[in-house]
N, C-alpha and C. Protein backbone atom coordinates (compact mmCIF):
# COMPACT_ATOMS: atom_id res chain seq x y z
N MET A 1 -81.22 -13.31 -80.20
CA MET A 1 -80.61 -12.70 -79.77
C MET A 1 -79.37 -13.72 -79.73
N ASP A 2 -77.70 -12.39 -80.25
CA ASP A 2 -77.47 -12.60 -81.24
C ASP A 2 -75.35 -12.30 -79.98
N PRO A 3 -75.32 -13.58 -79.72
CA PRO A 3 -74.16 -12.87 -78.61
C PRO A 3 -72.97 -12.87 -78.69
N THR A 4 -73.05 -12.86 -79.78
CA THR A 4 -71.56 -11.84 -81.05
C THR A 4 -71.72 -10.99 -81.80
N GLY A 5 -73.00 -10.09 -81.29
CA GLY A 5 -73.28 -8.77 -81.91
C GLY A 5 -72.14 -7.85 -81.19
N ASN A 6 -72.04 -8.11 -80.14
CA ASN A 6 -70.76 -6.70 -79.51
C ASN A 6 -69.67 -7.04 -79.91
N LEU A 7 -69.29 -8.28 -80.20
CA LEU A 7 -67.73 -8.24 -80.82
C LEU A 7 -67.78 -8.37 -82.38
N ARG A 8 -68.26 -8.21 -83.08
CA ARG A 8 -69.51 -7.56 -84.28
C ARG A 8 -68.85 -6.17 -83.98
N ARG A 9 -70.38 -5.12 -83.59
CA ARG A 9 -70.06 -4.17 -83.42
C ARG A 9 -69.08 -2.82 -83.04
N ASP A 10 -67.73 -3.81 -82.12
CA ASP A 10 -66.76 -3.92 -81.33
C ASP A 10 -65.51 -3.49 -83.71
N ILE A 11 -65.77 -4.32 -84.33
CA ILE A 11 -65.33 -4.83 -85.16
C ILE A 11 -65.55 -3.75 -86.08
N GLU A 12 -66.80 -3.34 -85.77
CA GLU A 12 -67.21 -2.36 -86.85
C GLU A 12 -66.98 -0.76 -86.72
N ALA A 13 -66.93 -0.84 -85.09
CA ALA A 13 -65.87 0.40 -84.99
C ALA A 13 -64.88 0.89 -84.96
N ALA A 14 -63.98 -0.29 -84.80
CA ALA A 14 -62.65 0.05 -84.91
C ALA A 14 -62.21 -0.10 -86.88
N LEU A 15 -63.16 -0.92 -87.72
CA LEU A 15 -62.66 -0.62 -88.78
C LEU A 15 -62.94 0.73 -90.12
N PHE A 16 -63.61 1.56 -88.48
CA PHE A 16 -63.92 2.95 -88.91
C PHE A 16 -62.56 4.19 -88.43
N ARG A 17 -61.91 3.59 -87.32
CA ARG A 17 -60.08 4.27 -87.14
C ARG A 17 -59.67 4.74 -88.60
N GLN A 18 -59.00 5.18 -88.12
CA GLN A 18 -57.72 5.71 -89.40
C GLN A 18 -56.73 5.28 -89.22
N ASN A 19 -55.95 4.81 -88.12
CA ASN A 19 -54.46 4.24 -87.09
C ASN A 19 -54.70 2.74 -87.42
N LEU A 20 -55.62 2.23 -87.92
CA LEU A 20 -55.25 0.42 -88.59
C LEU A 20 -54.59 0.06 -89.37
N THR A 21 -53.35 -0.33 -89.38
CA THR A 21 -52.45 -0.87 -91.26
C THR A 21 -53.67 -1.78 -92.14
N ALA A 22 -53.09 -1.22 -93.13
CA ALA A 22 -53.82 -2.32 -94.13
C ALA A 22 -54.06 -3.60 -93.32
N TRP A 23 -52.44 -4.20 -93.35
CA TRP A 23 -53.45 -5.65 -92.46
C TRP A 23 -53.86 -5.73 -91.74
N GLN A 24 -54.60 -5.12 -90.86
CA GLN A 24 -55.24 -4.51 -89.58
C GLN A 24 -56.62 -5.19 -89.39
N ARG A 25 -56.98 -4.41 -91.21
CA ARG A 25 -58.29 -3.82 -91.95
C ARG A 25 -58.74 -5.32 -92.52
N ALA A 26 -58.30 -6.12 -93.43
CA ALA A 26 -58.06 -6.99 -93.91
C ALA A 26 -58.13 -7.65 -92.39
N PHE A 27 -57.98 -8.22 -91.60
CA PHE A 27 -58.41 -8.78 -90.88
C PHE A 27 -59.25 -9.14 -90.53
N LEU A 28 -59.44 -8.10 -89.80
CA LEU A 28 -60.41 -7.52 -89.51
C LEU A 28 -62.13 -8.01 -90.41
N ALA A 29 -61.79 -7.26 -90.88
CA ALA A 29 -62.91 -6.92 -92.24
C ALA A 29 -63.43 -8.89 -92.41
N ASP A 30 -62.53 -9.66 -92.23
CA ASP A 30 -62.57 -10.96 -92.59
C ASP A 30 -62.97 -11.73 -91.30
N ILE A 31 -62.42 -11.64 -90.53
CA ILE A 31 -63.35 -11.82 -89.70
C ILE A 31 -64.58 -11.66 -88.55
N HIS A 32 -65.36 -10.25 -89.37
CA HIS A 32 -66.97 -10.10 -89.43
C HIS A 32 -67.39 -10.78 -90.23
N ALA A 33 -67.15 -10.66 -92.00
CA ALA A 33 -67.81 -11.33 -92.80
C ALA A 33 -68.33 -12.64 -92.22
N ARG A 34 -66.76 -13.09 -90.91
CA ARG A 34 -66.94 -15.00 -90.89
C ARG A 34 -68.09 -15.17 -89.60
N LEU A 35 -68.07 -14.14 -89.32
CA LEU A 35 -69.30 -14.19 -87.93
C LEU A 35 -70.54 -13.34 -88.45
N GLU A 36 -70.27 -12.38 -89.45
CA GLU A 36 -71.67 -12.18 -90.26
C GLU A 36 -72.31 -13.41 -90.74
N HIS A 37 -71.48 -14.34 -91.90
CA HIS A 37 -71.70 -14.98 -92.68
C HIS A 37 -72.88 -16.67 -91.54
N SER A 38 -71.72 -16.51 -90.82
CA SER A 38 -71.64 -18.45 -89.33
C SER A 38 -72.97 -17.76 -88.58
N ASP A 39 -73.71 -16.47 -88.56
CA ASP A 39 -74.54 -15.97 -87.61
C ASP A 39 -73.63 -15.83 -85.89
N GLY A 40 -72.40 -15.36 -86.11
CA GLY A 40 -71.92 -15.56 -85.09
C GLY A 40 -71.15 -16.81 -84.45
N ARG A 41 -71.40 -17.92 -86.16
CA ARG A 41 -71.17 -19.21 -85.01
C ARG A 41 -70.04 -19.62 -86.07
N ALA A 42 -68.80 -18.99 -86.68
CA ALA A 42 -67.62 -19.35 -86.54
C ALA A 42 -66.80 -19.31 -85.43
N PRO A 43 -65.32 -20.28 -85.87
CA PRO A 43 -64.70 -21.08 -84.84
C PRO A 43 -63.33 -19.43 -85.63
N LEU A 44 -63.69 -19.59 -83.55
CA LEU A 44 -61.41 -18.80 -84.14
C LEU A 44 -60.59 -18.80 -83.52
N SER A 45 -59.37 -19.49 -83.66
CA SER A 45 -58.22 -20.10 -83.18
C SER A 45 -57.74 -19.36 -81.69
N ASP A 46 -57.23 -19.49 -81.10
CA ASP A 46 -56.55 -18.59 -80.25
C ASP A 46 -56.01 -17.66 -80.37
N LYS A 47 -54.83 -17.95 -81.29
CA LYS A 47 -54.17 -16.80 -82.18
C LYS A 47 -54.92 -15.16 -82.45
N GLN A 48 -56.05 -16.16 -83.54
CA GLN A 48 -56.69 -14.74 -84.06
C GLN A 48 -57.55 -14.28 -82.67
N TRP A 49 -58.54 -15.91 -81.57
CA TRP A 49 -59.08 -14.20 -80.35
C TRP A 49 -58.05 -13.31 -80.35
N ARG A 50 -56.22 -13.52 -79.30
CA ARG A 50 -55.12 -12.81 -78.91
C ARG A 50 -55.30 -11.75 -80.42
N LYS A 51 -55.01 -11.37 -82.02
CA LYS A 51 -55.26 -10.26 -82.55
C LYS A 51 -56.20 -9.66 -82.80
N ILE A 52 -57.46 -10.61 -82.91
CA ILE A 52 -58.94 -9.49 -82.92
C ILE A 52 -58.72 -8.22 -81.52
N PHE A 53 -58.22 -8.94 -80.97
CA PHE A 53 -57.79 -8.29 -78.78
C PHE A 53 -56.91 -7.75 -78.76
N GLU A 54 -55.50 -7.78 -79.68
CA GLU A 54 -54.60 -6.98 -79.17
C GLU A 54 -54.77 -5.34 -80.57
N ILE A 55 -55.85 -5.64 -81.76
CA ILE A 55 -56.53 -4.91 -82.26
C ILE A 55 -57.51 -3.77 -81.92
N LEU A 56 -58.18 -4.18 -81.35
CA LEU A 56 -59.24 -4.01 -80.35
C LEU A 56 -58.58 -2.85 -79.42
N GLY A 57 -57.15 -2.69 -79.43
CA GLY A 57 -56.70 -2.15 -78.22
C GLY A 57 -56.85 -3.37 -76.69
N ARG A 58 -56.84 -4.01 -76.43
CA ARG A 58 -57.24 -4.83 -75.44
C ARG A 58 -56.10 -5.98 -75.85
N PRO A 59 -55.29 -6.01 -76.21
CA PRO A 59 -54.29 -6.89 -75.45
C PRO A 59 -53.77 -7.98 -74.98
N ASP A 60 -53.96 -7.18 -73.04
CA ASP A 60 -53.93 -7.79 -72.07
C ASP A 60 -54.96 -8.54 -71.88
N ARG A 61 -55.94 -9.30 -72.49
CA ARG A 61 -57.08 -10.09 -72.31
C ARG A 61 -56.80 -11.11 -73.69
N PRO A 62 -56.54 -11.68 -74.01
CA PRO A 62 -56.74 -13.20 -75.04
C PRO A 62 -57.90 -14.21 -74.25
N VAL A 63 -57.90 -15.02 -74.73
CA VAL A 63 -58.89 -15.12 -74.58
C VAL A 63 -59.25 -17.02 -74.62
N SER A 64 -59.19 -17.30 -74.29
CA SER A 64 -58.95 -19.07 -74.77
C SER A 64 -60.54 -19.94 -76.18
N SER A 65 -60.23 -20.42 -77.09
CA SER A 65 -61.64 -20.33 -77.94
C SER A 65 -61.97 -21.90 -76.83
N LYS A 66 -61.46 -22.52 -75.80
CA LYS A 66 -61.83 -23.64 -75.25
C LYS A 66 -62.84 -23.35 -74.35
N PRO A 67 -64.19 -22.98 -73.95
CA PRO A 67 -63.94 -22.20 -72.26
C PRO A 67 -63.46 -22.74 -71.18
N SER A 68 -63.39 -23.58 -71.45
CA SER A 68 -62.91 -24.99 -69.81
C SER A 68 -61.16 -24.53 -69.92
N LEU A 69 -60.61 -24.02 -70.98
CA LEU A 69 -59.00 -23.68 -69.77
C LEU A 69 -58.80 -22.72 -69.69
N PHE A 70 -59.82 -21.22 -69.26
CA PHE A 70 -59.99 -20.52 -68.89
C PHE A 70 -58.31 -20.32 -67.54
N LEU A 71 -58.28 -19.54 -68.52
CA LEU A 71 -56.58 -19.17 -66.82
C LEU A 71 -56.88 -17.88 -66.66
N PHE A 72 -57.80 -17.02 -66.96
CA PHE A 72 -58.24 -15.61 -66.62
C PHE A 72 -59.09 -14.90 -66.15
N PRO A 73 -58.92 -15.20 -64.38
CA PRO A 73 -60.45 -14.80 -64.52
C PRO A 73 -60.62 -13.76 -64.19
N ASP A 74 -60.15 -12.40 -64.83
CA ASP A 74 -60.92 -11.31 -64.67
C ASP A 74 -61.00 -10.74 -65.72
N LEU A 75 -61.81 -11.61 -67.35
CA LEU A 75 -61.85 -11.87 -68.56
C LEU A 75 -63.72 -11.18 -67.75
N SER A 76 -63.95 -10.57 -68.45
CA SER A 76 -65.35 -10.01 -68.86
C SER A 76 -66.58 -11.09 -69.35
N ALA A 77 -67.66 -11.30 -68.84
CA ALA A 77 -68.38 -12.37 -69.04
C ALA A 77 -68.89 -12.66 -71.12
N ASN A 78 -68.43 -11.25 -70.76
CA ASN A 78 -69.13 -11.08 -72.75
C ASN A 78 -68.08 -12.32 -73.38
N ILE A 79 -66.44 -11.71 -72.78
CA ILE A 79 -65.51 -11.96 -73.97
C ILE A 79 -65.50 -13.89 -73.52
N ARG A 80 -66.26 -14.55 -72.94
CA ARG A 80 -66.20 -15.51 -72.54
C ARG A 80 -67.56 -16.27 -72.73
N LYS A 81 -68.60 -15.20 -73.21
CA LYS A 81 -70.06 -16.00 -73.95
C LYS A 81 -68.95 -15.54 -75.39
N TYR A 82 -68.14 -15.16 -76.11
CA TYR A 82 -68.45 -15.22 -78.09
C TYR A 82 -67.61 -16.16 -77.92
N ALA A 83 -66.41 -16.68 -76.80
CA ALA A 83 -65.87 -18.40 -76.58
C ALA A 83 -66.36 -19.09 -76.75
N ARG A 84 -67.57 -19.48 -76.35
CA ARG A 84 -69.14 -20.67 -75.36
C ARG A 84 -69.60 -20.81 -76.42
N VAL A 85 -69.72 -19.24 -77.40
CA VAL A 85 -70.71 -19.73 -79.20
C VAL A 85 -69.80 -20.39 -79.79
N LEU A 86 -68.73 -19.32 -79.79
CA LEU A 86 -68.27 -19.92 -80.87
C LEU A 86 -66.78 -21.61 -81.02
N VAL A 87 -67.90 -21.76 -79.70
CA VAL A 87 -66.82 -23.29 -79.71
C VAL A 87 -68.47 -23.97 -79.86
N GLY A 88 -68.98 -23.68 -79.40
CA GLY A 88 -70.72 -24.03 -79.26
C GLY A 88 -71.07 -25.24 -78.22
């Protein structure tokens, strides 16, 4: 089972959108490659998480890469699962 599979699929879908800037496209492609190469265990910074969700169209859902620091009770379980897996 691949816990970050949903994130990777969301990034893949976003890469097909025409409204991404060149920087956004390169950023998402780099994150996707890192997740693929590490089997979904690439550590991402809080800033990278915020930028990913901003590009994916969910800027109101930042997530901490440290599970013990969750301050957003309305976050979905999938987003929390991504953070836990990537932190280890």
